[in-house]
Amino acid sequence: MELVGQAGIGLVQWTREVHEEANQARKKVVELKLHRQEQATAKHEKLKQAYLRKKLEELKAASNANQT
């Protein structure tokens, strides 16, 4: 009977370890998603700034052309 009890404890320990590993994996997925989202936001902002700089240059060029 004692062997069954020990096997049960081993199973409980194994189950806890599996749950802990699953929790760690979920946490890592959340961190990766957040990191990707931050990268996408930064890329979007960079593209937006480049677009605005180009538009400003075009407006300045058009303004200079109209003044001459």
PDB file of N, CA and C in Angstrom:
ATOM      1  N   MET A   1       0.826  -1.193   0.000  1.00  0.00           N
ATOM      2  CA  MET A   1       0.000   0.000   0.000  1.00  0.00           C
ATOM      3  C   MET A   1       0.865   1.250   0.000  1.00  0.00           C
ATOM      4  N   GLU A   2       1.998   1.158   0.639  1.00  0.00           N
ATOM      5  CA  GLU A   2       2.889   2.317   0.724  1.00  0.00           C
ATOM      6  C   GLU A   2       3.421   2.715  -0.658  1.00  0.00           C
ATOM      7  N   LEU A   3       3.666   1.748  -1.514  1.00  0.00           N
ATOM      8  CA  LEU A   3       4.147   2.044  -2.856  1.00  0.00           C
ATOM      9  C   LEU A   3       3.116   2.841  -3.644  1.00  0.00           C
ATOM     10  N   VAL A   4       1.865   2.538  -3.480  1.00  0.00           N
ATOM     11  CA  VAL A   4       0.809   3.281  -4.167  1.00  0.00           C
ATOM     12  C   VAL A   4       0.816   4.726  -3.680  1.00  0.00           C
ATOM     13  N   GLY A   5       0.996   4.921  -2.396  1.00  0.00           N
ATOM     14  CA  GLY A   5       1.054   6.276  -1.840  1.00  0.00           C
ATOM     15  C   GLY A   5       2.224   7.063  -2.409  1.00  0.00           C
ATOM     16  N   GLN A   6       3.370   6.431  -2.517  1.00  0.00           N
ATOM     17  CA  GLN A   6       4.542   7.108  -3.071  1.00  0.00           C
ATOM     18  C   GLN A   6       4.355   7.432  -4.540  1.00  0.00           C
ATOM     19  N   ALA A   7       3.746   6.517  -5.265  1.00  0.00           N
ATOM     20  CA  ALA A   7       3.487   6.767  -6.678  1.00  0.00           C
ATOM     21  C   ALA A   7       2.519   7.934  -6.815  1.00  0.00           C
ATOM     22  N   GLY A   8       1.546   8.006  -5.922  1.00  0.00           N
ATOM     23  CA  GLY A   8       0.598   9.118  -5.946  1.00  0.00           C
ATOM     24  C   GLY A   8       1.282  10.446  -5.700  1.00  0.00           C
ATOM     25  N   ILE A   9       2.222  10.483  -4.779  1.00  0.00           N
ATOM     26  CA  ILE A   9       2.969  11.710  -4.492  1.00  0.00           C
ATOM     27  C   ILE A   9       3.800  12.107  -5.716  1.00  0.00           C
ATOM     28  N   GLY A  10       4.395  11.107  -6.355  1.00  0.00           N
ATOM     29  CA  GLY A  10       5.174  11.387  -7.566  1.00  0.00           C
ATOM     30  C   GLY A  10       4.302  11.982  -8.658  1.00  0.00           C
ATOM     31  N   LEU A  11       3.104  11.456  -8.783  1.00  0.00           N
ATOM     32  CA  LEU A  11       2.172  11.960  -9.782  1.00  0.00           C
ATOM     33  C   LEU A  11       1.753  13.390  -9.462  1.00  0.00           C
ATOM     34  N   VAL A  12       1.516  13.666  -8.179  1.00  0.00           N
ATOM     35  CA  VAL A  12       1.138  15.023  -7.766  1.00  0.00           C
ATOM     36  C   VAL A  12       2.282  15.986  -8.077  1.00  0.00           C
ATOM     37  N   GLN A  13       3.493  15.597  -7.762  1.00  0.00           N
ATOM     38  CA  GLN A  13       4.657  16.445  -8.034  1.00  0.00           C
ATOM     39  C   GLN A  13       4.811  16.678  -9.528  1.00  0.00           C
ATOM     40  N   TRP A  14       4.665  15.611 -10.307  1.00  0.00           N
ATOM     41  CA  TRP A  14       4.769  15.724 -11.765  1.00  0.00           C
ATOM     42  C   TRP A  14       3.695  16.657 -12.306  1.00  0.00           C
ATOM     43  N   THR A  15       2.467  16.522 -11.788  1.00  0.00           N
ATOM     44  CA  THR A  15       1.366  17.385 -12.225  1.00  0.00           C
ATOM     45  C   THR A  15       1.668  18.845 -11.909  1.00  0.00           C
ATOM     46  N   ARG A  16       2.200  19.116 -10.739  1.00  0.00           N
ATOM     47  CA  ARG A  16       2.562  20.491 -10.367  1.00  0.00           C
ATOM     48  C   ARG A  16       3.626  21.047 -11.315  1.00  0.00           C
ATOM     49  N   GLU A  17       4.608  20.222 -11.633  1.00  0.00           N
ATOM     50  CA  GLU A  17       5.672  20.665 -12.541  1.00  0.00           C
ATOM     51  C   GLU A  17       5.116  20.974 -13.929  1.00  0.00           C
ATOM     52  N   VAL A  18       4.209  20.130 -14.402  1.00  0.00           N
ATOM     53  CA  VAL A  18       3.603  20.367 -15.717  1.00  0.00           C
ATOM     54  C   VAL A  18       2.820  21.671 -15.705  1.00  0.00           C
ATOM     55  N   HIS A  19       2.053  21.903 -14.652  1.00  0.00           N
ATOM     56  CA  HIS A  19       1.284  23.150 -14.549  1.00  0.00           C
ATOM     57  C   HIS A  19       2.218  24.366 -14.493  1.00  0.00           C
ATOM     58  N   GLU A  20       3.306  24.242 -13.761  1.00  0.00           N
ATOM     59  CA  GLU A  20       4.264  25.348 -13.666  1.00  0.00           C
ATOM     60  C   GLU A  20       4.896  25.641 -15.025  1.00  0.00           C
ATOM     61  N   GLU A  21       5.263  24.594 -15.743  1.00  0.00           N
ATOM     62  CA  GLU A  21       5.839  24.782 -17.079  1.00  0.00           C
ATOM     63  C   GLU A  21       4.824  25.424 -18.026  1.00  0.00           C
ATOM     64  N   ALA A  22       3.571  25.004 -17.922  1.00  0.00           N
ATOM     65  CA  ALA A  22       2.526  25.590 -18.767  1.00  0.00           C
ATOM     66  C   ALA A  22       2.338  27.064 -18.432  1.00  0.00           C
ATOM     67  N   ASN A  23       2.359  27.395 -17.155  1.00  0.00           N
ATOM     68  CA  ASN A  23       2.220  28.803 -16.752  1.00  0.00           C
ATOM     69  C   ASN A  23       3.390  29.638 -17.262  1.00  0.00           C
ATOM     70  N   GLN A  24       4.589  29.098 -17.180  1.00  0.00           N
ATOM     71  CA  GLN A  24       5.760  29.811 -17.683  1.00  0.00           C
ATOM     72  C   GLN A  24       5.665  30.016 -19.198  1.00  0.00           C
ATOM     73  N   ALA A  25       5.185  28.995 -19.897  1.00  0.00           N
ATOM     74  CA  ALA A  25       5.040  29.111 -21.353  1.00  0.00           C
ATOM     75  C   ALA A  25       4.006  30.182 -21.706  1.00  0.00           C
ATOM     76  N   ARG A  26       2.902  30.213 -20.964  1.00  0.00           N
ATOM     77  CA  ARG A  26       1.882  31.246 -21.217  1.00  0.00           C
ATOM     78  C   ARG A  26       2.450  32.640 -20.973  1.00  0.00           C
ATOM     79  N   LYS A  27       3.212  32.778 -19.904  1.00  0.00           N
ATOM     80  CA  LYS A  27       3.812  34.074 -19.580  1.00  0.00           C
ATOM     81  C   LYS A  27       4.759  34.511 -20.699  1.00  0.00           C
ATOM     82  N   LYS A  28       5.539  33.586 -21.214  1.00  0.00           N
ATOM     83  CA  LYS A  28       6.477  33.904 -22.286  1.00  0.00           C
ATOM     84  C   LYS A  28       5.728  34.333 -23.548  1.00  0.00           C
ATOM     85  N   VAL A  29       4.615  33.660 -23.858  1.00  0.00           N
ATOM     86  CA  VAL A  29       3.812  34.028 -25.020  1.00  0.00           C
ATOM     87  C   VAL A  29       3.291  35.454 -24.871  1.00  0.00           C
ATOM     88  N   VAL A  30       2.814  35.794 -23.688  1.00  0.00           N
ATOM     89  CA  VAL A  30       2.307  37.146 -23.446  1.00  0.00           C
ATOM     90  C   VAL A  30       3.430  38.170 -23.636  1.00  0.00           C
ATOM     91  N   GLU A  31       4.611  37.865 -23.107  1.00  0.00           N
ATOM     92  CA  GLU A  31       5.748  38.776 -23.255  1.00  0.00           C
ATOM     93  C   GLU A  31       6.133  38.947 -24.718  1.00  0.00           C
ATOM     94  N   LEU A  32       6.138  37.852 -25.473  1.00  0.00           N
ATOM     95  CA  LEU A  32       6.481  37.931 -26.900  1.00  0.00           C
ATOM     96  C   LEU A  32       5.452  38.753 -27.672  1.00  0.00           C
ATOM     97  N   LYS A  33       4.171  38.556 -27.372  1.00  0.00           N
ATOM     98  CA  LYS A  33       3.122  39.322 -28.044  1.00  0.00           C
ATOM     99  C   LYS A  33       3.278  40.808 -27.747  1.00  0.00           C
ATOM    100  N   LEU A  34       3.564  41.144 -26.490  1.00  0.00           N
ATOM    101  CA  LEU A  34       3.751  42.536 -26.110  1.00  0.00           C
ATOM    102  C   LEU A  34       4.952  43.134 -26.838  1.00  0.00           C
ATOM    103  N   HIS A  35       6.035  42.373 -26.918  1.00  0.00           N
ATOM    104  CA  HIS A  35       7.240  42.849 -27.597  1.00  0.00           C
ATOM    105  C   HIS A  35       6.957  43.101 -29.081  1.00  0.00           C
ATOM    106  N   ARG A  36       6.249  42.170 -29.714  1.00  0.00           N
ATOM    107  CA  ARG A  36       5.900  42.354 -31.135  1.00  0.00           C
ATOM    108  C   ARG A  36       5.010  43.574 -31.330  1.00  0.00           C
ATOM    109  N   GLN A  37       4.077  43.770 -30.419  1.00  0.00           N
ATOM    110  CA  GLN A  37       3.185  44.923 -30.520  1.00  0.00           C
ATOM    111  C   GLN A  37       3.979  46.228 -30.378  1.00  0.00           C
ATOM    112  N   GLU A  38       4.918  46.265 -29.445  1.00  0.00           N
ATOM    113  CA  GLU A  38       5.762  47.454 -29.267  1.00  0.00           C
ATOM    114  C   GLU A  38       6.597  47.716 -30.518  1.00  0.00           C
ATOM    115  N   GLN A  39       7.128  46.649 -31.115  1.00  0.00           N
ATOM    116  CA  GLN A  39       7.909  46.806 -32.341  1.00  0.00           C
ATOM    117  C   GLN A  39       7.042  47.344 -33.476  1.00  0.00           C
ATOM    118  N   ALA A  40       5.830  46.828 -33.597  1.00  0.00           N
ATOM    119  CA  ALA A  40       4.924  47.283 -34.652  1.00  0.00           C
ATOM    120  C   ALA A  40       4.559  48.750 -34.458  1.00  0.00           C
ATOM    121  N   THR A  41       4.327  49.146 -33.227  1.00  0.00           N
ATOM    122  CA  THR A  41       3.997  50.543 -32.926  1.00  0.00           C
ATOM    123  C   THR A  41       5.171  51.452 -33.280  1.00  0.00           C
ATOM    124  N   ALA A  42       6.376  51.041 -32.928  1.00  0.00           N
ATOM    125  CA  ALA A  42       7.566  51.835 -33.235  1.00  0.00           C
ATOM    126  C   ALA A  42       7.757  51.955 -34.753  1.00  0.00           C
ATOM    127  N   LYS A  43       7.555  50.863 -35.472  1.00  0.00           N
ATOM    128  CA  LYS A  43       7.696  50.889 -36.930  1.00  0.00           C
ATOM    129  C   LYS A  43       6.652  51.809 -37.553  1.00  0.00           C
ATOM    130  N   HIS A  44       5.433  51.737 -37.056  1.00  0.00           N
ATOM    131  CA  HIS A  44       4.360  52.590 -37.557  1.00  0.00           C
ATOM    132  C   HIS A  44       4.705  54.065 -37.334  1.00  0.00           C
ATOM    133  N   GLU A  45       5.205  54.383 -36.164  1.00  0.00           N
ATOM    134  CA  GLU A  45       5.563  55.771 -35.854  1.00  0.00           C
ATOM    135  C   GLU A  45       6.704  56.250 -36.744  1.00  0.00           C
ATOM    136  N   LYS A  46       7.668  55.383 -36.986  1.00  0.00           N
ATOM    137  CA  LYS A  46       8.799  55.734 -37.848  1.00  0.00           C
ATOM    138  C   LYS A  46       8.316  56.034 -39.272  1.00  0.00           C
ATOM    139  N   LEU A  47       7.430  55.190 -39.788  1.00  0.00           N
ATOM    140  CA  LEU A  47       6.881  55.406 -41.127  1.00  0.00           C
ATOM    141  C   LEU A  47       6.056  56.691 -41.186  1.00  0.00           C
ATOM    142  N   LYS A  48       5.306  56.947 -40.149  1.00  0.00           N
ATOM    143  CA  LYS A  48       4.488  58.162 -40.086  1.00  0.00           C
ATOM    144  C   LYS A  48       5.386  59.416 -40.121  1.00  0.00           C
ATOM    145  N   GLN A  49       6.457  59.384 -39.343  1.00  0.00           N
ATOM    146  CA  GLN A  49       7.381  60.523 -39.322  1.00  0.00           C
ATOM    147  C   GLN A  49       8.033  60.726 -40.689  1.00  0.00           C
ATOM    148  N   ALA A  50       8.417  59.648 -41.357  1.00  0.00           N
ATOM    149  CA  ALA A  50       9.024  59.752 -42.687  1.00  0.00           C
ATOM    150  C   ALA A  50       8.027  60.346 -43.678  1.00  0.00           C
ATOM    151  N   TYR A  51       6.774  59.906 -43.592  1.00  0.00           N
ATOM    152  CA  TYR A  51       5.725  60.435 -44.475  1.00  0.00           C
ATOM    153  C   TYR A  51       5.534  61.933 -44.242  1.00  0.00           C
ATOM    154  N   LEU A  52       5.485  62.337 -42.984  1.00  0.00           N
ATOM    155  CA  LEU A  52       5.288  63.755 -42.670  1.00  0.00           C
ATOM    156  C   LEU A  52       6.471  64.603 -43.129  1.00  0.00           C
ATOM    157  N   ARG A  53       7.696  64.088 -42.976  1.00  0.00           N
ATOM    158  CA  ARG A  53       8.872  64.833 -43.458  1.00  0.00           C
ATOM    159  C   ARG A  53       8.803  65.020 -44.970  1.00  0.00           C
ATOM    160  N   LYS A  54       8.431  63.976 -45.678  1.00  0.00           N
ATOM    161  CA  LYS A  54       8.341  64.050 -47.137  1.00  0.00           C
ATOM    162  C   LYS A  54       7.266  65.050 -47.555  1.00  0.00           C
ATOM    163  N   LYS A  55       6.119  65.004 -46.897  1.00  0.00           N
ATOM    164  CA  LYS A  55       5.044  65.947 -47.214  1.00  0.00           C
ATOM    165  C   LYS A  55       5.485  67.385 -46.965  1.00  0.00           C
ATOM    166  N   LEU A  56       6.193  67.611 -45.867  1.00  0.00           N
ATOM    167  CA  LEU A  56       6.679  68.946 -45.542  1.00  0.00           C
ATOM    168  C   LEU A  56       7.656  69.438 -46.616  1.00  0.00           C
ATOM    169  N   GLU A  57       8.546  68.563 -47.046  1.00  0.00           N
ATOM    170  CA  GLU A  57       9.488  68.938 -48.105  1.00  0.00           C
ATOM    171  C   GLU A  57       8.733  69.283 -49.391  1.00  0.00           C
ATOM    172  N   GLU A  58       7.720  68.505 -49.722  1.00  0.00           N
ATOM    173  CA  GLU A  58       6.926  68.783 -50.929  1.00  0.00           C
ATOM    174  C   GLU A  58       6.215  70.133 -50.822  1.00  0.00           C
ATOM    175  N   LEU A  59       5.666  70.427 -49.653  1.00  0.00           N
ATOM    176  CA  LEU A  59       4.974  71.705 -49.465  1.00  0.00           C
ATOM    177  C   LEU A  59       5.945  72.881 -49.544  1.00  0.00           C
ATOM    178  N   LYS A  60       7.128  72.705 -48.963  1.00  0.00           N
ATOM    179  CA  LYS A  60       8.140  73.766 -49.037  1.00  0.00           C
ATOM    180  C   LYS A  60       8.564  73.996 -50.482  1.00  0.00           C
ATOM    181  N   ALA A  61       8.766  72.901 -51.226  1.00  0.00           N
ATOM    182  CA  ALA A  61       9.177  73.015 -52.624  1.00  0.00           C
ATOM    183  C   ALA A  61       8.080  73.704 -53.437  1.00  0.00           C
ATOM    184  N   ALA A  62       6.834  73.352 -53.190  1.00  0.00           N
ATOM    185  CA  ALA A  62       5.718  73.969 -53.913  1.00  0.00           C
ATOM    186  C   ALA A  62       5.613  75.450 -53.554  1.00  0.00           C
ATOM    187  N   SER A  63       5.832  75.773 -52.301  1.00  0.00           N
ATOM    188  CA  SER A  63       5.767  77.164 -51.857  1.00  0.00           C
ATOM    189  C   SER A  63       6.883  77.983 -52.506  1.00  0.00           C
ATOM    190  N   ASN A  64       8.085  77.417 -52.557  1.00  0.00           N
ATOM    191  CA  ASN A  64       9.215  78.110 -53.179  1.00  0.00           C
ATOM    192  C   ASN A  64       8.977  78.294 -54.681  1.00  0.00           C
ATOM    193  N   ALA A  65       8.382  77.303 -55.320  1.00  0.00           N
ATOM    194  CA  ALA A  65       8.100  77.394 -56.753  1.00  0.00           C
ATOM    195  C   ALA A  65       7.060  78.482 -57.025  1.00  0.00           C
ATOM    196  N   ASN A  66       6.105  78.639 -56.162  1.00  0.00           N
ATOM    197  CA  ASN A  66       5.063  79.657 -56.335  1.00  0.00           C
ATOM    198  C   ASN A  66       5.588  81.066 -56.079  1.00  0.00           C
ATOM    199  N   GLN A  67       6.581  81.210 -55.245  1.00  0.00           N
ATOM    200  CA  GLN A  67       7.123  82.518 -54.903  1.00  0.00           C
ATOM    201  C   GLN A  67       8.040  83.053 -55.992  1.00  0.00           C
ATOM    202  N   THR A  68       8.588  82.195 -56.798  1.00  0.00           N
ATOM    203  CA  THR A  68       9.521  82.669 -57.826  1.00  0.00           C
ATOM    204  C   THR A  68       8.854  82.924 -59.134  1.00  0.00           C
TER     205      THR A  68
END
